[in-house]
């Protein structure tokens, strides 16, 4: 069983680039999702 004080998902400095675009769509996104937490990213 996972420990409740540790995050289930950790994302650090996420970057999303689309070809031929001058800027990043996402740049430097960081977050944590705890066990049992529902998370959605649109």
C-alpha atoms as a PDB file:
ATOM      1  CA  UNK A   1       0.000   0.000   0.000  1.00  0.00           C
ATOM      2  CA  UNK A   2       1.465   3.418  -0.944  1.00  0.00           C
ATOM      3  CA  UNK A   3       2.286   5.898   1.798  1.00  0.00           C
ATOM      4  CA  UNK A   4      -0.248   8.727   2.046  1.00  0.00           C
ATOM      5  CA  UNK A   5       2.376  11.422   2.642  1.00  0.00           C
ATOM      6  CA  UNK A   6       4.151  10.751  -0.671  1.00  0.00           C
ATOM      7  CA  UNK A   7       2.748  12.097  -3.963  1.00  0.00           C
ATOM      8  CA  UNK A   8       1.414   9.536  -6.442  1.00  0.00           C
ATOM      9  CA  UNK A   9       2.538  11.674  -9.418  1.00  0.00           C
ATOM     10  CA  UNK A  10       5.252  14.336  -9.561  1.00  0.00           C
ATOM     11  CA  UNK A  11       5.799  16.521 -12.627  1.00  0.00           C
ATOM     12  CA  UNK A  12       8.625  19.066 -12.748  1.00  0.00           C
ATOM     13  CA  UNK A  13       9.249  21.687 -15.442  1.00  0.00           C
ATOM     14  CA  UNK A  14       6.945  20.187 -18.081  1.00  0.00           C
ATOM     15  CA  UNK A  15       7.318  21.751 -21.539  1.00  0.00           C
ATOM     16  CA  UNK A  16       5.061  21.232 -24.580  1.00  0.00           C
ATOM     17  CA  UNK A  17       6.158  22.574 -27.953  1.00  0.00           C
ATOM     18  CA  UNK A  18       4.277  22.540 -31.229  1.00  0.00           C
ATOM     19  CA  UNK A  19       6.243  22.521 -34.488  1.00  0.00           C
ATOM     20  CA  UNK A  20       6.634  25.861 -36.243  1.00  0.00           C
ATOM     21  CA  UNK A  21       5.329  27.879 -33.269  1.00  0.00           C
ATOM     22  CA  UNK A  22       7.388  30.744 -31.830  1.00  0.00           C
ATOM     23  CA  UNK A  23       6.409  30.088 -28.192  1.00  0.00           C
ATOM     24  CA  UNK A  24       5.841  27.019 -26.027  1.00  0.00           C
ATOM     25  CA  UNK A  25       2.256  25.975 -25.308  1.00  0.00           C
ATOM     26  CA  UNK A  26       3.318  24.950 -21.774  1.00  0.00           C
ATOM     27  CA  UNK A  27       6.576  26.112 -20.256  1.00  0.00           C
ATOM     28  CA  UNK A  28       7.864  25.076 -16.853  1.00  0.00           C
ATOM     29  CA  UNK A  29       4.686  23.555 -15.376  1.00  0.00           C
ATOM     30  CA  UNK A  30       5.232  21.650 -12.118  1.00  0.00           C
ATOM     31  CA  UNK A  31       2.681  19.884  -9.908  1.00  0.00           C
ATOM     32  CA  UNK A  32       2.102  16.936  -7.584  1.00  0.00           C
ATOM     33  CA  UNK A  33      -0.938  14.667  -7.316  1.00  0.00           C
ATOM     34  CA  UNK A  34      -1.618  13.000  -3.978  1.00  0.00           C
ATOM     35  CA  UNK A  35      -2.811   9.383  -3.673  1.00  0.00           C
ATOM     36  CA  UNK A  36      -6.601   9.271  -4.060  1.00  0.00           C
ATOM     37  CA  UNK A  37      -6.758  12.748  -5.592  1.00  0.00           C
ATOM     38  CA  UNK A  38      -8.494  13.223  -8.944  1.00  0.00           C
ATOM     39  CA  UNK A  39      -6.598  15.569 -11.261  1.00  0.00           C
ATOM     40  CA  UNK A  40      -7.289  16.729 -14.803  1.00  0.00           C
ATOM     41  CA  UNK A  41      -5.208  18.954 -17.023  1.00  0.00           C
ATOM     42  CA  UNK A  42      -6.824  20.456 -20.109  1.00  0.00           C
END
